Amino acid sequence: MERRRLGRTGLEVSALGLGCLSFSDYYGARETVDAGDARRLVEQAIALGVTLFDTAAMYGRSEELLGHAIKGRRQGLVVATKFGVLVDEHGRPRGTDASPAAVRRACDEGLRRLGIDVIDLFYLHRIDRAVAIEETVGAMAELVRAGKVRHLGLCEVSARTLRRAQKVHPIAALQSEYSLWSRDVEREILPACRRLGIGFVAYSPLGRGFLSGGVTSADSLPADDARRAIPRFQGDNLARNVALLNDLRAIAARHAATPAQVALAWLLAQGTDIVPIPGTKRPAYLSENVAATRLQLSTDELDALGRAFAPDRISGERYGDAARAFVDD
């Protein structure tokens, strides 16, 4: 698989990574991943050329499952994890802690759960409004000097916060939501990354499953699925958004591809500094996602998709009020 460089730090990863939120029950507990499932999925990903594996402290047992899956095959892999979000007894966000003490504690706990000696890419998952970003990144930089972390990253931060952080220590990557269905970062965030020499890791590159075409009504989602709380998946918003899929399906049919593959191919074509990290629990979908790295869309097709999914055509916010409180915009 093609390799892409994240920023100016020398960190090189596969053009497509594997998001390990899918190892948790965030999208419903009906298909829980166990250690055997996770190991087989990671083995398949490695065989297909994937080198970037992305998890987080708040993703349930994801860190432990990923650590078990990469045991004995660590060489050549880039393990990324995130810290800073506090969760309640149901695993839902309840606050943030990015104090220096929390930074150090999170790193040690992440290393233990992953069963590794060094974290390749250590992200602040969400900012802590009670702690200056300079203080948090300063503590993260100490971990680099201590040899516990190789590269630093931030998630869902504004261009201003990104600039402040970069002055403290080089940031290898910013991770934010980016897909045909969510293009807010094109206004300020992505240009700021490029000016500062910071790579961009796109989470939810398939719109939390929407761009795969499999979610046409909220009733199709499990009762405990977190997407039920997202405005874009509700009522009239979802009905209007589903109508946008027609152009995506038409281009997919032209290439004998799936809508998900076309959506990933569009995102990959937005710049060689962009690395999508779709998550999945299913081996067949993993193979399809990786195959999207070889799908070439024409300029006309890319433009048509851009028009079809123009930001002003999307109905509903990408987060509900509770989740938006954690986003630095």
Protein backbone atom coordinates (compact mmCIF):
# COMPACT_ATOMS: atom_id res chain seq x y z
CA MET A 1 0.00 0.00 0.00
CA GLU A 2 1.07 3.59 -0.60
CA ARG A 3 2.77 5.27 2.35
CA ARG A 4 2.05 8.82 3.47
CA ARG A 5 4.08 11.13 5.68
CA LEU A 6 2.39 12.80 8.64
CA GLY A 7 3.77 16.28 8.91
CA ARG A 8 7.45 17.18 9.01
CA THR A 9 8.34 14.85 11.84
CA GLY A 10 9.32 11.91 9.65
CA LEU A 11 6.38 9.73 10.75
CA GLU A 12 5.35 7.55 7.80
CA VAL A 13 2.21 5.40 7.77
CA SER A 14 0.03 3.46 5.35
CA ALA A 15 -2.32 5.64 3.29
CA LEU A 16 -5.22 4.03 5.14
CA GLY A 17 -5.21 3.13 8.83
CA LEU A 18 -7.51 1.03 10.98
CA GLY A 19 -9.66 2.84 13.52
CA CYS A 20 -10.16 0.63 16.55
CA LEU A 21 -13.24 2.30 18.00
CA SER A 22 -14.93 -0.64 16.28
CA PHE A 23 -13.42 -2.88 18.94
CA SER A 24 -15.73 -1.21 21.47
CA ASP A 25 -19.55 -1.22 21.68
CA TYR A 26 -19.92 2.46 20.77
CA TYR A 27 -22.19 1.56 17.86
CA GLY A 28 -24.12 -1.01 19.87
CA ALA A 29 -23.17 -4.17 21.71
CA ARG A 30 -24.84 -6.66 19.38
CA GLU A 31 -21.57 -7.57 17.66
CA THR A 32 -18.98 -7.40 20.40
CA VAL A 33 -15.39 -8.02 19.31
CA ASP A 34 -13.42 -10.47 21.43
CA ALA A 35 -9.65 -10.99 21.58
CA GLY A 36 -9.73 -13.60 18.81
CA ASP A 37 -11.77 -11.39 16.49
CA ALA A 38 -9.47 -8.42 17.07
CA ARG A 39 -6.35 -10.48 16.45
CA ARG A 40 -7.67 -11.92 13.19
CA LEU A 41 -8.72 -8.46 11.99
CA VAL A 42 -5.33 -6.95 12.83
CA GLU A 43 -3.51 -9.85 11.18
CA GLN A 44 -5.57 -9.30 8.03
CA ALA A 45 -4.92 -5.56 8.11
CA ILE A 46 -1.16 -6.10 8.39
CA ALA A 47 -1.25 -8.59 5.52
CA LEU A 48 -3.04 -5.94 3.41
CA GLY A 49 -0.37 -3.34 4.14
CA VAL A 50 -1.98 -1.36 6.96
CA THR A 51 0.58 -0.01 9.42
CA LEU A 52 -1.42 2.61 11.40
CA PHE A 53 -3.67 1.38 14.21
CA ASP A 54 -5.64 4.00 16.11
CA THR A 55 -7.27 3.52 19.50
CA ALA A 56 -8.02 5.55 22.65
CA ALA A 57 -8.31 5.21 26.39
CA MET A 58 -12.06 5.88 26.22
CA TYR A 59 -12.76 3.12 23.66
CA GLY A 60 -13.71 0.47 26.19
CA ARG A 61 -11.36 -2.53 25.93
CA SER A 62 -9.95 -1.36 22.60
CA GLU A 63 -6.41 -0.70 23.84
CA GLU A 64 -6.18 -4.11 25.50
CA LEU A 65 -7.58 -5.87 22.44
CA LEU A 66 -5.21 -4.05 20.11
CA GLY A 67 -2.27 -4.80 22.39
CA HIS A 68 -3.13 -8.49 22.41
CA ALA A 69 -3.55 -8.49 18.63
CA ILE A 70 -0.15 -6.93 17.86
CA LYS A 71 1.80 -9.01 20.35
CA GLY A 72 4.68 -10.61 18.48
CA ARG A 73 4.17 -8.46 15.38
CA ARG A 74 4.95 -4.95 16.67
CA GLN A 75 7.79 -4.17 14.25
CA GLY A 76 6.82 -1.78 11.48
CA LEU A 77 3.50 -0.83 13.05
CA VAL A 78 2.48 2.64 14.19
CA VAL A 79 0.35 2.49 17.32
CA ALA A 80 -1.66 5.63 18.07
CA THR A 81 -3.73 6.19 21.16
CA LYS A 82 -5.54 9.11 22.76
CA PHE A 83 -6.10 10.43 26.28
CA GLY A 84 -7.89 13.23 28.08
CA VAL A 85 -11.58 12.25 27.97
CA LEU A 86 -13.19 11.08 31.20
CA VAL A 87 -16.08 8.62 30.90
CA ASP A 88 -19.00 7.61 33.09
CA GLU A 89 -20.01 4.09 34.07
CA HIS A 90 -21.64 3.63 30.64
CA GLY A 91 -18.48 4.65 28.77
CA ARG A 92 -19.90 8.01 27.68
CA PRO A 93 -17.86 11.25 27.99
CA ARG A 94 -18.39 13.18 31.21
CA GLY A 95 -15.48 15.62 31.15
CA THR A 96 -11.82 16.14 30.32
CA ASP A 97 -8.54 16.14 32.18
CA ALA A 98 -5.42 17.26 30.34
CA SER A 99 -3.40 18.38 33.33
CA PRO A 100 0.29 17.43 33.38
CA ALA A 101 -0.37 14.78 36.03
CA ALA A 102 -3.14 13.30 33.89
CA VAL A 103 -0.86 13.32 30.83
CA ARG A 104 1.79 11.28 32.63
CA ARG A 105 -0.73 8.92 34.18
CA ALA A 106 -2.55 8.34 30.89
CA CYS A 107 0.68 7.50 29.10
CA ASP A 108 1.74 4.92 31.68
CA GLU A 109 -1.72 3.36 31.74
CA GLY A 110 -1.87 3.29 27.92
CA LEU A 111 1.51 1.59 27.69
CA ARG A 112 0.37 -1.01 30.20
CA ARG A 113 -2.93 -1.73 28.45
CA LEU A 114 -1.29 -1.90 25.03
CA GLY A 115 1.58 -4.02 26.34
CA ILE A 116 4.21 -1.95 24.51
CA ASP A 117 7.29 0.06 25.49
CA VAL A 118 6.60 3.22 23.49
CA ILE A 119 3.54 4.88 21.96
CA ASP A 120 4.23 5.94 18.38
CA LEU A 121 1.60 8.70 18.23
CA PHE A 122 0.08 10.09 21.44
CA TYR A 123 -2.95 12.33 20.96
CA LEU A 124 -4.77 14.70 23.25
CA HIS A 125 -8.29 13.41 22.57
CA ARG A 126 -10.13 16.62 23.51
CA ILE A 127 -8.86 19.86 25.01
CA ASP A 128 -9.37 20.66 28.66
CA ARG A 129 -10.63 24.23 28.87
CA ALA A 130 -9.27 24.50 32.41
CA VAL A 131 -5.70 23.81 31.27
CA ALA A 132 -3.72 25.88 28.78
CA ILE A 133 -2.79 23.90 25.69
CA GLU A 134 0.83 24.96 26.20
CA GLU A 135 0.82 23.25 29.59
CA THR A 136 -0.66 20.03 28.23
CA VAL A 137 1.65 19.82 25.21
CA GLY A 138 4.60 20.67 27.41
CA ALA A 139 3.84 17.63 29.56
CA MET A 140 3.39 15.50 26.44
CA ALA A 141 6.76 16.70 25.16
CA GLU A 142 8.37 15.47 28.38
CA LEU A 143 7.15 11.98 27.48
CA VAL A 144 8.95 12.24 24.14
CA ARG A 145 12.16 13.19 25.91
CA ALA A 146 11.64 10.29 28.33
CA GLY A 147 11.36 7.83 25.42
CA LYS A 148 7.78 6.81 26.23
CA VAL A 149 6.25 8.55 23.19
CA ARG A 150 7.63 9.14 19.68
CA HIS A 151 5.24 11.72 18.18
CA LEU A 152 2.49 14.03 19.41
CA GLY A 153 -0.98 14.66 18.03
CA LEU A 154 -4.12 16.66 18.80
CA CYS A 155 -7.78 15.93 18.08
CA GLU A 156 -10.65 18.25 17.18
CA VAL A 157 -8.87 21.51 17.93
CA SER A 158 -9.17 24.92 16.30
CA ALA A 159 -6.52 26.42 14.03
CA ARG A 160 -5.62 28.86 16.81
CA THR A 161 -5.07 26.06 19.34
CA LEU A 162 -3.03 24.16 16.77
CA ARG A 163 -0.73 27.13 16.24
CA ARG A 164 -0.23 27.57 19.98
CA ALA A 165 0.59 23.89 20.45
CA GLN A 166 3.05 23.82 17.56
CA LYS A 167 5.12 26.53 19.25
CA VAL A 168 5.69 24.21 22.23
CA HIS A 169 6.59 20.99 20.39
CA PRO A 170 6.26 19.71 16.81
CA ILE A 171 2.83 18.18 16.22
CA ALA A 172 2.87 15.25 13.82
CA ALA A 173 -0.85 14.97 13.19
CA LEU A 174 -4.23 16.50 13.81
CA GLN A 175 -7.11 14.06 13.97
CA SER A 176 -10.57 15.39 13.18
CA GLU A 177 -13.71 14.20 11.46
CA TYR A 178 -13.50 14.52 7.69
CA SER A 179 -15.54 12.91 4.94
CA LEU A 180 -17.82 13.83 2.09
CA TRP A 181 -20.49 14.20 4.78
CA SER A 182 -18.41 16.37 7.11
CA ARG A 183 -16.18 18.97 5.47
CA ASP A 184 -15.94 21.70 8.14
CA VAL A 185 -12.15 21.28 8.34
CA GLU A 186 -11.69 22.53 4.78
CA ARG A 187 -12.35 26.14 5.86
CA GLU A 188 -9.57 26.72 8.41
CA ILE A 189 -8.24 23.51 9.98
CA LEU A 190 -6.80 21.76 6.94
CA PRO A 191 -5.17 24.93 5.56
CA ALA A 192 -3.62 25.56 8.99
CA CYS A 193 -2.22 22.03 9.09
CA ARG A 194 -0.62 22.55 5.71
CA ARG A 195 0.90 25.88 6.65
CA LEU A 196 2.34 24.38 9.84
CA GLY A 197 3.49 21.12 8.26
CA ILE A 198 1.13 18.91 10.26
CA GLY A 199 -0.42 15.73 8.85
CA PHE A 200 -4.17 15.13 8.93
CA VAL A 201 -5.77 11.91 10.15
CA ALA A 202 -9.43 11.68 9.19
CA TYR A 203 -11.71 9.82 11.58
CA SER A 204 -15.22 8.73 10.59
CA PRO A 205 -14.23 8.94 6.90
CA LEU A 206 -17.39 7.00 6.04
CA GLY A 207 -19.67 9.30 8.01
CA ARG A 208 -20.13 6.77 10.83
CA GLY A 209 -21.41 4.27 8.29
CA PHE A 210 -23.76 6.64 6.51
CA LEU A 211 -21.67 6.84 3.32
CA SER A 212 -21.71 3.06 3.07
CA GLY A 213 -25.42 3.37 2.32
CA GLY A 214 -26.52 1.02 5.06
CA VAL A 215 -28.20 3.52 7.38
CA THR A 216 -31.39 4.80 5.79
CA SER A 217 -33.48 5.15 8.93
CA ALA A 218 -32.79 5.56 12.64
CA ASP A 219 -34.89 2.44 13.24
CA SER A 220 -32.13 0.36 11.63
CA LEU A 221 -29.72 1.34 14.43
CA PRO A 222 -29.48 -0.67 17.67
CA ALA A 223 -31.22 0.91 20.65
CA ASP A 224 -27.85 1.47 22.36
CA ASP A 225 -26.14 2.90 19.25
CA ALA A 226 -24.56 6.32 19.94
CA ARG A 227 -25.56 7.53 16.47
CA ARG A 228 -29.17 7.86 17.67
CA ALA A 229 -28.07 11.00 19.55
CA ILE A 230 -26.50 12.62 16.46
CA PRO A 231 -28.82 15.12 14.68
CA ARG A 232 -27.75 13.99 11.20
CA PHE A 233 -29.15 10.53 11.89
CA GLN A 234 -32.52 11.79 13.11
CA GLY A 235 -35.90 12.22 11.40
CA ASP A 236 -36.14 14.59 8.48
CA ASN A 237 -32.40 15.31 8.62
CA LEU A 238 -31.58 11.70 7.82
CA ALA A 239 -34.23 11.50 5.09
CA ARG A 240 -32.77 14.55 3.33
CA ASN A 241 -29.22 13.25 3.73
CA VAL A 242 -30.10 9.85 2.27
CA ALA A 243 -31.20 11.58 -0.94
CA LEU A 244 -27.61 12.80 -1.39
CA LEU A 245 -26.37 9.23 -1.78
CA ASN A 246 -27.70 8.89 -5.32
CA ASP A 247 -24.65 10.52 -6.93
CA LEU A 248 -22.31 8.44 -4.80
CA ARG A 249 -24.08 5.23 -5.81
CA ALA A 250 -24.02 6.18 -9.48
CA ILE A 251 -20.25 6.72 -9.50
CA ALA A 252 -19.75 3.52 -7.51
CA ALA A 253 -21.75 1.56 -10.08
CA ARG A 254 -19.62 3.04 -12.87
CA HIS A 255 -16.48 1.65 -11.20
CA ALA A 256 -18.04 -1.64 -10.02
CA ALA A 257 -17.18 -0.42 -6.53
CA THR A 258 -19.11 0.17 -3.32
CA PRO A 259 -20.27 3.62 -2.17
CA ALA A 260 -17.88 3.31 0.77
CA GLN A 261 -14.93 2.73 -1.57
CA VAL A 262 -15.81 5.79 -3.63
CA ALA A 263 -16.17 7.92 -0.49
CA LEU A 264 -12.71 6.82 0.68
CA ALA A 265 -11.19 7.35 -2.76
CA TRP A 266 -12.58 10.91 -2.78
CA LEU A 267 -11.02 11.61 0.62
CA LEU A 268 -7.66 10.12 -0.33
CA ALA A 269 -7.65 12.37 -3.40
CA GLN A 270 -7.94 15.51 -1.27
CA GLY A 271 -4.22 15.44 -0.50
CA THR A 272 -1.31 13.10 0.18
CA ASP A 273 -1.13 14.51 3.71
CA ILE A 274 -4.52 12.98 4.58
CA VAL A 275 -4.79 9.51 6.13
CA PRO A 276 -8.32 8.13 6.70
CA ILE A 277 -8.81 5.61 9.52
CA PRO A 278 -12.08 3.77 8.84
CA GLY A 279 -13.07 1.27 11.48
CA THR A 280 -14.80 -2.05 10.99
CA LYS A 281 -15.44 -5.32 12.77
CA ARG A 282 -15.83 -7.31 9.56
CA PRO A 283 -12.97 -8.77 7.49
CA ALA A 284 -14.88 -8.29 4.21
CA TYR A 285 -15.31 -4.56 4.85
CA LEU A 286 -11.65 -4.25 5.80
CA SER A 287 -10.64 -5.72 2.44
CA GLU A 288 -13.03 -3.38 0.63
CA ASN A 289 -11.68 -0.35 2.46
CA VAL A 290 -8.08 -1.19 1.59
CA ALA A 291 -9.04 -1.77 -2.05
CA ALA A 292 -10.30 1.83 -2.14
CA THR A 293 -6.67 3.01 -2.04
CA ARG A 294 -6.35 1.68 -5.61
CA LEU A 295 -9.54 3.30 -6.91
CA GLN A 296 -8.84 6.30 -9.15
CA LEU A 297 -11.65 8.80 -9.65
CA SER A 298 -11.60 11.28 -12.52
CA THR A 299 -11.45 15.02 -11.91
CA ASP A 300 -15.06 15.28 -13.11
CA GLU A 301 -16.15 12.60 -10.64
CA LEU A 302 -14.32 14.25 -7.77
CA ASP A 303 -15.93 17.57 -8.61
CA ALA A 304 -19.38 16.00 -8.93
CA LEU A 305 -19.08 14.41 -5.50
CA GLY A 306 -17.87 17.70 -4.04
CA ARG A 307 -20.96 19.44 -5.39
CA ALA A 308 -23.34 16.68 -4.34
CA PHE A 309 -22.05 16.79 -0.77
CA ALA A 310 -21.48 20.53 -0.50
CA PRO A 311 -21.57 21.51 3.21
CA ASP A 312 -24.71 23.60 2.77
CA ARG A 313 -26.57 20.52 1.49
CA ILE A 314 -25.96 18.48 4.65
CA SER A 315 -28.85 18.41 7.12
CA GLY A 316 -28.19 18.39 10.85
CA GLU A 317 -25.13 18.92 13.04
CA ARG A 318 -22.45 16.22 13.24
CA TYR A 319 -22.69 16.16 17.04
CA GLY A 320 -25.45 16.70 19.57
CA ASP A 321 -25.19 19.48 22.15
CA ALA A 322 -23.52 17.31 24.78
CA ALA A 323 -20.77 16.08 22.47
CA ARG A 324 -20.24 19.51 20.88
CA ALA A 325 -19.18 20.83 24.27
CA PHE A 326 -15.97 18.80 23.90
CA VAL A 327 -15.05 20.22 20.47
CA ASP A 328 -12.67 23.19 20.28
CA ASP A 329 -14.12 25.17 17.39
